Amino acid sequence: HFFAFAFCRPMAFAFLFILWLLACLNACEGWWDNGHMLVAEIARQQLQPEQAALLEALLRRWDREFPGMGDLRSAATWPDHLKCVVASDHCSHLPLAGVAAFDPWHYIGLPLNPFGLPLTEAQAHPPENPSIVWLVRQANFTLGLPHATATFAWNFFLRFMIHVLGDIHQPMHSTEFFNDCLPHGDRGGGLLVLNHSFGNTLHGFWDSGGLLYTAAWPFDDEQWKALSENASTLIQRYPRSGFVASGRLPNSVEGRGSPVDILAWAHESHLVAAQVVYSGWDLRSARPVLSPEYVPRAQRAAQQQMALAGYRLG
């Protein structure tokens, strides 16, 4: 959907083609990391090989500063790695950037307030600037300019769009939950502490697709193979036609090239949060106890959201 929007613009496509030629002349060549890369792989499988090559020619122009992040799948993790401030298992393969200024671009906290607690104006109506909604609208504006040719702008917003179009389909990136234990909100589930066997927080549990997808970038050969196989499995299990039939995807090529309606997608994701994430456990608690039935239901919902995100990205 987003890639189709870019390729539906002749000036943009011509610009990317020029970048691809330059790359050949010179070298001839957003869930946790795993979830973001899975969304990007599903999107990549929707593209023609030459389309993926054009996009990756642009991404590779930052290889010197961010080595190994010049493909669509790896680039999907870039906005999270940009936050790294200290070396760790997750932050040991790239220069430490320590950029936290873009953190609000990853979410919007639409309120989920089942007990009717009094909320502030900002809690009841979270500001769109800064938020994931504002970011996507800015990206649509910049990438929609008919004569925009600055490689920085294209590279920057392409990386963020690949990432946040995954983020918005993770239900906790669109939701702020309130109860008496958490009257100021649960920070998208980050303050809801779980039994260790399910991960540390409810947010982390969902970031991993219910602990199905926990591998961290960079991938080895076996992980790349598993990524491709997992993407193909989700495409078979949740085909595009099912989302078209439910009205969540357009039925035409023209519709696929339309700008992203990120706020509508946020409300969709928020509904999944209300119906699945915040369901089946004691909502009065700050320490959810997840039942054996909750886990497979959450995994199915997460996989369906990842598939949908991949189709929309592609």
Protein backbone atom coordinates (compact mmCIF):
# COMPACT_ATOMS: atom_id res chain seq x y z
CA HIS A 1 0.00 0.00 0.00
CA PHE A 2 2.68 2.52 1.04
CA PHE A 3 5.24 1.21 -1.46
CA ALA A 4 2.51 1.21 -4.11
CA PHE A 5 1.82 4.87 -3.25
CA ALA A 6 5.47 5.68 -3.94
CA PHE A 7 5.63 3.69 -7.16
CA CYS A 8 2.36 5.23 -8.40
CA ARG A 9 4.14 8.59 -8.54
CA PRO A 10 6.12 8.82 -11.81
CA MET A 11 8.57 11.43 -10.49
CA ALA A 12 9.28 9.30 -7.41
CA PHE A 13 9.77 6.17 -9.47
CA ALA A 14 12.11 7.97 -11.86
CA PHE A 15 14.09 9.33 -8.92
CA LEU A 16 14.46 5.86 -7.41
CA PHE A 17 15.48 4.45 -10.79
CA ILE A 18 18.27 7.03 -11.03
CA LEU A 19 19.42 6.07 -7.55
CA TRP A 20 19.47 2.42 -8.57
CA LEU A 21 21.63 3.22 -11.61
CA LEU A 22 24.03 5.20 -9.43
CA ALA A 23 24.24 2.30 -6.98
CA CYS A 24 25.05 -0.10 -9.83
CA LEU A 25 27.73 2.23 -11.16
CA ASN A 26 29.30 2.59 -7.74
CA ALA A 27 28.96 -0.91 -6.30
CA CYS A 28 26.83 -3.09 -8.61
CA GLU A 29 24.98 -4.10 -5.99
CA GLY A 30 8.03 -1.51 14.23
CA TRP A 31 7.21 -5.30 17.20
CA TRP A 32 10.66 -6.41 18.22
CA ASP A 33 13.25 -6.75 15.48
CA ASN A 34 11.82 -10.09 14.38
CA GLY A 35 8.26 -8.79 14.09
CA HIS A 36 9.27 -5.67 12.19
CA MET A 37 11.40 -7.71 9.82
CA LEU A 38 8.52 -10.14 9.30
CA VAL A 39 6.17 -7.30 8.33
CA ALA A 40 8.80 -5.97 5.90
CA GLU A 41 9.36 -9.44 4.43
CA ILE A 42 5.63 -9.86 3.80
CA ALA A 43 5.65 -6.46 2.08
CA ARG A 44 8.76 -7.37 0.08
CA GLN A 45 7.06 -10.51 -1.20
CA GLN A 46 4.29 -8.27 -2.62
CA LEU A 47 6.79 -6.30 -4.72
CA GLN A 48 8.33 -7.03 -8.09
CA PRO A 49 12.08 -7.74 -7.76
CA GLU A 50 12.95 -4.54 -9.62
CA GLN A 51 10.79 -2.52 -7.21
CA ALA A 52 12.54 -3.96 -4.16
CA ALA A 53 15.90 -3.30 -5.85
CA LEU A 54 15.05 0.38 -6.34
CA LEU A 55 14.06 0.85 -2.72
CA GLU A 56 17.11 -0.98 -1.42
CA ALA A 57 19.40 1.06 -3.69
CA LEU A 58 18.20 4.10 -1.77
CA LEU A 59 18.57 2.43 1.63
CA ARG A 60 22.10 1.27 0.85
CA ARG A 61 23.26 4.86 0.49
CA TRP A 62 23.49 4.91 4.31
CA ASP A 63 25.51 1.69 4.56
CA ARG A 64 28.67 3.45 5.66
CA GLU A 65 27.01 4.84 8.78
CA PHE A 66 24.60 1.94 9.36
CA PRO A 67 26.22 -1.17 7.88
CA GLY A 68 23.94 -4.11 7.18
CA MET A 69 20.74 -2.04 7.22
CA GLY A 70 20.44 -1.47 3.49
CA ASP A 71 17.77 -4.10 2.82
CA LEU A 72 14.06 -3.62 3.47
CA ARG A 73 13.90 -6.17 6.28
CA SER A 74 16.86 -4.84 8.26
CA ALA A 75 15.88 -1.22 7.63
CA ALA A 76 12.60 -1.96 9.40
CA THR A 77 14.53 -2.11 12.69
CA TRP A 78 16.56 1.08 12.14
CA PRO A 79 14.31 3.52 14.07
CA ASP A 80 14.56 1.31 17.18
CA HIS A 81 18.34 0.87 16.91
CA LEU A 82 18.63 4.63 16.50
CA LYS A 83 17.65 4.91 20.19
CA CYS A 84 20.65 2.88 21.45
CA VAL A 85 22.75 4.70 24.06
CA VAL A 86 24.84 1.85 25.54
CA ALA A 87 26.29 -1.32 24.07
CA SER A 88 24.16 -4.40 24.75
CA ASP A 89 23.06 -7.58 23.01
CA HIS A 90 20.50 -5.48 21.13
CA CYS A 91 22.76 -2.48 20.53
CA SER A 92 26.17 -3.93 19.74
CA HIS A 93 26.21 -4.01 15.94
CA LEU A 94 25.81 -0.35 14.97
CA PRO A 95 27.27 3.00 16.06
CA LEU A 96 25.47 4.19 19.20
CA ALA A 97 23.28 7.09 18.11
CA GLY A 98 21.34 7.79 21.31
CA VAL A 99 18.53 9.59 19.47
CA ALA A 100 15.43 9.66 21.66
CA ALA A 101 13.83 12.73 20.06
CA PHE A 102 11.72 10.58 17.74
CA ASP A 103 10.28 8.28 20.44
CA PRO A 104 6.75 9.79 20.27
CA TRP A 105 6.65 8.97 16.54
CA HIS A 106 6.16 5.27 17.33
CA TYR A 107 2.68 5.42 18.90
CA ILE A 108 -0.48 7.30 19.75
CA GLY A 109 -2.18 6.60 23.09
CA LEU A 110 -5.89 6.40 22.29
CA PRO A 111 -7.58 5.93 25.68
CA LEU A 112 -9.05 2.64 26.86
CA ASN A 113 -10.89 3.50 30.07
CA PRO A 114 -13.27 0.65 30.99
CA PHE A 115 -13.86 1.91 34.54
CA GLY A 116 -14.73 5.47 33.55
CA LEU A 117 -11.93 7.16 35.46
CA PRO A 118 -11.64 10.95 35.15
CA LEU A 119 -9.07 11.77 32.47
CA THR A 120 -7.25 14.94 31.60
CA GLU A 121 -7.88 16.55 28.24
CA ALA A 122 -4.57 15.21 26.93
CA GLN A 123 -5.41 11.69 28.11
CA ALA A 124 -8.91 11.75 26.66
CA HIS A 125 -7.78 13.34 23.39
CA PRO A 126 -4.08 12.60 22.93
CA PRO A 127 -2.30 15.19 20.80
CA GLU A 128 -1.44 14.13 17.27
CA ASN A 129 1.76 16.19 17.27
CA PRO A 130 4.05 14.57 18.11
CA SER A 131 2.79 11.05 17.44
CA ILE A 132 2.83 8.31 14.84
CA VAL A 133 -0.10 10.07 13.15
CA TRP A 134 1.85 13.30 12.75
CA LEU A 135 4.92 11.45 11.46
CA VAL A 136 3.04 9.58 8.75
CA ARG A 137 1.28 12.72 7.60
CA GLN A 138 4.61 14.52 7.37
CA ALA A 139 6.08 11.61 5.41
CA ASN A 140 3.09 11.60 3.06
CA PHE A 141 3.61 15.33 2.49
CA THR A 142 7.36 15.08 1.85
CA LEU A 143 7.26 11.97 -0.30
CA GLY A 144 4.29 13.38 -2.19
CA LEU A 145 6.14 16.50 -3.36
CA PRO A 146 6.38 16.24 -7.15
CA HIS A 147 9.97 17.46 -7.34
CA ALA A 148 11.43 16.22 -4.04
CA THR A 149 14.83 14.69 -4.81
CA ALA A 150 16.78 15.04 -1.53
CA THR A 151 18.14 11.57 -0.81
CA PHE A 152 18.24 12.29 2.94
CA ALA A 153 14.49 12.97 3.10
CA TRP A 154 13.64 9.86 1.10
CA ASN A 155 15.97 7.59 3.06
CA PHE A 156 14.92 8.95 6.44
CA PHE A 157 11.18 8.76 5.86
CA LEU A 158 11.35 5.42 4.03
CA ARG A 159 13.04 3.82 7.03
CA PHE A 160 10.55 5.32 9.45
CA MET A 161 7.54 4.38 7.33
CA ILE A 162 8.68 0.76 7.02
CA HIS A 163 8.97 0.70 10.80
CA VAL A 164 5.94 2.62 12.03
CA LEU A 165 3.49 1.00 9.63
CA GLY A 166 4.43 -2.12 11.58
CA ASP A 167 4.14 -0.28 14.91
CA ILE A 168 0.61 0.94 14.28
CA HIS A 169 -0.60 -2.64 13.83
CA GLN A 170 0.81 -3.65 17.21
CA PRO A 171 -2.33 -2.86 19.26
CA MET A 172 -0.44 -1.47 22.24
CA HIS A 173 1.13 1.23 20.08
CA SER A 174 -2.32 2.78 19.65
CA THR A 175 -3.66 2.32 23.17
CA GLU A 176 -3.32 3.81 26.65
CA PHE A 177 -5.15 1.75 29.29
CA PHE A 178 -6.39 3.19 32.59
CA ASN A 179 -7.47 1.53 35.83
CA ASP A 180 -7.27 2.40 39.54
CA CYS A 181 -3.75 0.97 39.78
CA LEU A 182 -2.63 2.99 36.75
CA PRO A 183 -4.66 6.22 36.81
CA HIS A 184 -2.06 7.93 34.60
CA GLY A 185 -2.05 5.14 32.03
CA ASP A 186 -0.11 1.95 31.44
CA ARG A 187 2.32 3.34 28.82
CA GLY A 188 1.00 1.01 26.18
CA GLY A 189 1.22 -1.99 28.47
CA GLY A 190 4.78 -1.20 29.52
CA LEU A 191 3.70 -0.88 33.16
CA LEU A 192 1.69 -4.11 33.19
CA VAL A 193 4.09 -6.64 34.70
CA LEU A 194 3.75 -10.30 33.74
CA ASN A 195 4.86 -13.60 35.12
CA HIS A 196 8.41 -14.08 33.79
CA SER A 197 7.45 -17.11 31.69
CA PHE A 198 5.44 -14.75 29.49
CA GLY A 199 8.07 -12.03 29.33
CA ASN A 200 8.49 -8.98 31.53
CA THR A 201 5.55 -6.81 30.46
CA LEU A 202 2.35 -7.11 28.47
CA HIS A 203 3.82 -4.74 25.91
CA GLY A 204 6.86 -6.95 25.45
CA PHE A 205 4.67 -10.03 25.15
CA TRP A 206 2.80 -8.42 22.26
CA ASP A 207 5.94 -6.93 20.70
CA SER A 208 7.16 -10.51 20.26
CA GLY A 209 3.87 -11.68 18.75
CA GLY A 210 3.08 -13.59 21.91
CA LEU A 211 6.69 -14.84 22.19
CA LEU A 212 6.58 -16.34 18.70
CA TYR A 213 9.13 -13.97 17.15
CA THR A 214 11.99 -13.12 19.49
CA ALA A 215 15.12 -13.10 17.29
CA ALA A 216 17.15 -9.90 17.26
CA TRP A 217 18.91 -8.26 14.30
CA PRO A 218 21.37 -9.05 12.76
CA PHE A 219 20.18 -12.42 11.45
CA ASP A 220 22.28 -15.42 10.57
CA ASP A 221 21.53 -17.65 7.57
CA GLU A 222 19.11 -19.87 9.47
CA GLN A 223 17.20 -16.87 10.82
CA TRP A 224 16.91 -15.35 7.34
CA LYS A 225 15.52 -18.66 6.09
CA ALA A 226 13.05 -18.82 8.98
CA LEU A 227 11.98 -15.22 8.31
CA SER A 228 11.12 -16.00 4.69
CA GLU A 229 9.28 -19.18 5.67
CA ASN A 230 7.33 -17.44 8.45
CA ALA A 231 6.27 -14.67 6.06
CA SER A 232 5.10 -17.21 3.48
CA THR A 233 3.17 -19.06 6.19
CA LEU A 234 1.35 -15.91 7.29
CA ILE A 235 0.53 -14.99 3.68
CA GLN A 236 -1.04 -18.43 3.22
CA ARG A 237 -2.83 -18.36 6.57
CA TYR A 238 -4.12 -14.80 6.22
CA PRO A 239 -4.44 -14.12 2.46
CA ARG A 240 -4.97 -10.64 1.10
CA SER A 241 -8.41 -11.66 -0.15
CA GLY A 242 -9.67 -12.08 3.40
CA PHE A 243 -8.73 -8.51 4.32
CA VAL A 244 -10.26 -7.23 1.08
CA ALA A 245 -13.51 -9.03 1.89
CA SER A 246 -13.61 -7.44 5.35
CA GLY A 247 -12.95 -3.97 3.90
CA ARG A 248 -9.53 -3.59 5.55
CA LEU A 249 -7.66 -3.61 2.22
CA PRO A 250 -8.65 -1.98 -1.09
CA ASN A 251 -9.84 -4.21 -3.90
CA SER A 252 -8.03 -2.40 -6.69
CA VAL A 253 -4.52 -1.46 -7.73
CA GLU A 254 -5.62 2.18 -7.77
CA GLY A 255 -6.75 1.91 -4.17
CA ARG A 256 -3.41 0.44 -3.15
CA GLY A 257 -1.71 3.60 -4.39
CA SER A 258 -3.69 5.96 -2.16
CA PRO A 259 -2.08 7.81 0.76
CA VAL A 260 -1.97 6.11 4.15
CA ASP A 261 -4.89 6.86 6.52
CA ILE A 262 -2.89 6.29 9.67
CA LEU A 263 -5.52 7.52 12.13
CA ALA A 264 -8.09 5.04 10.81
CA TRP A 265 -5.52 2.26 11.18
CA ALA A 266 -4.79 3.41 14.73
CA HIS A 267 -8.48 3.10 15.62
CA GLU A 268 -8.58 -0.37 14.03
CA SER A 269 -5.62 -1.43 16.13
CA HIS A 270 -7.18 0.13 19.22
CA LEU A 271 -10.24 -2.07 18.66
CA VAL A 272 -8.00 -5.16 18.61
CA ALA A 273 -6.53 -3.96 21.91
CA ALA A 274 -9.98 -3.66 23.46
CA GLN A 275 -11.21 -7.00 22.15
CA VAL A 276 -8.08 -9.15 22.56
CA VAL A 277 -5.18 -7.50 24.43
CA TYR A 278 -7.22 -6.18 27.36
CA SER A 279 -9.55 -9.13 27.58
CA GLY A 280 -9.50 -12.43 29.48
CA TRP A 281 -7.63 -11.20 32.57
CA ASP A 282 -8.50 -9.07 35.62
CA LEU A 283 -8.48 -5.53 34.22
CA ARG A 284 -8.37 -4.08 37.76
CA SER A 285 -4.83 -5.38 38.20
CA ALA A 286 -1.42 -4.03 37.22
CA ARG A 287 -0.04 -7.59 37.12
CA PRO A 288 -2.07 -9.51 34.52
CA VAL A 289 -2.27 -13.27 34.89
CA LEU A 290 -2.53 -14.66 31.37
CA SER A 291 -4.53 -17.84 31.02
CA PRO A 292 -3.49 -20.74 28.75
CA GLU A 293 -6.34 -19.69 26.46
CA TYR A 294 -5.11 -16.10 26.22
CA VAL A 295 -1.75 -16.95 24.70
CA PRO A 296 -2.84 -18.70 21.45
CA ARG A 297 -5.59 -16.12 20.97
CA ALA A 298 -3.04 -13.33 21.29
CA GLN A 299 -0.64 -15.11 18.94
CA ARG A 300 -3.33 -15.45 16.26
CA ALA A 301 -4.29 -11.79 16.58
CA ALA A 302 -0.64 -10.69 16.43
CA GLN A 303 0.02 -12.80 13.34
CA GLN A 304 -3.07 -11.43 11.63
CA GLN A 305 -1.99 -7.86 12.42
CA MET A 306 1.50 -8.55 11.07
CA ALA A 307 0.07 -9.95 7.84
CA LEU A 308 -2.21 -6.94 7.43
CA ALA A 309 0.68 -4.55 8.14
CA GLY A 310 2.79 -6.30 5.49
CA TYR A 311 0.07 -6.04 2.86
CA ARG A 312 -0.50 -2.37 3.66
CA LEU A 313 3.21 -1.63 3.58
CA GLY A 314 3.60 -3.42 0.25
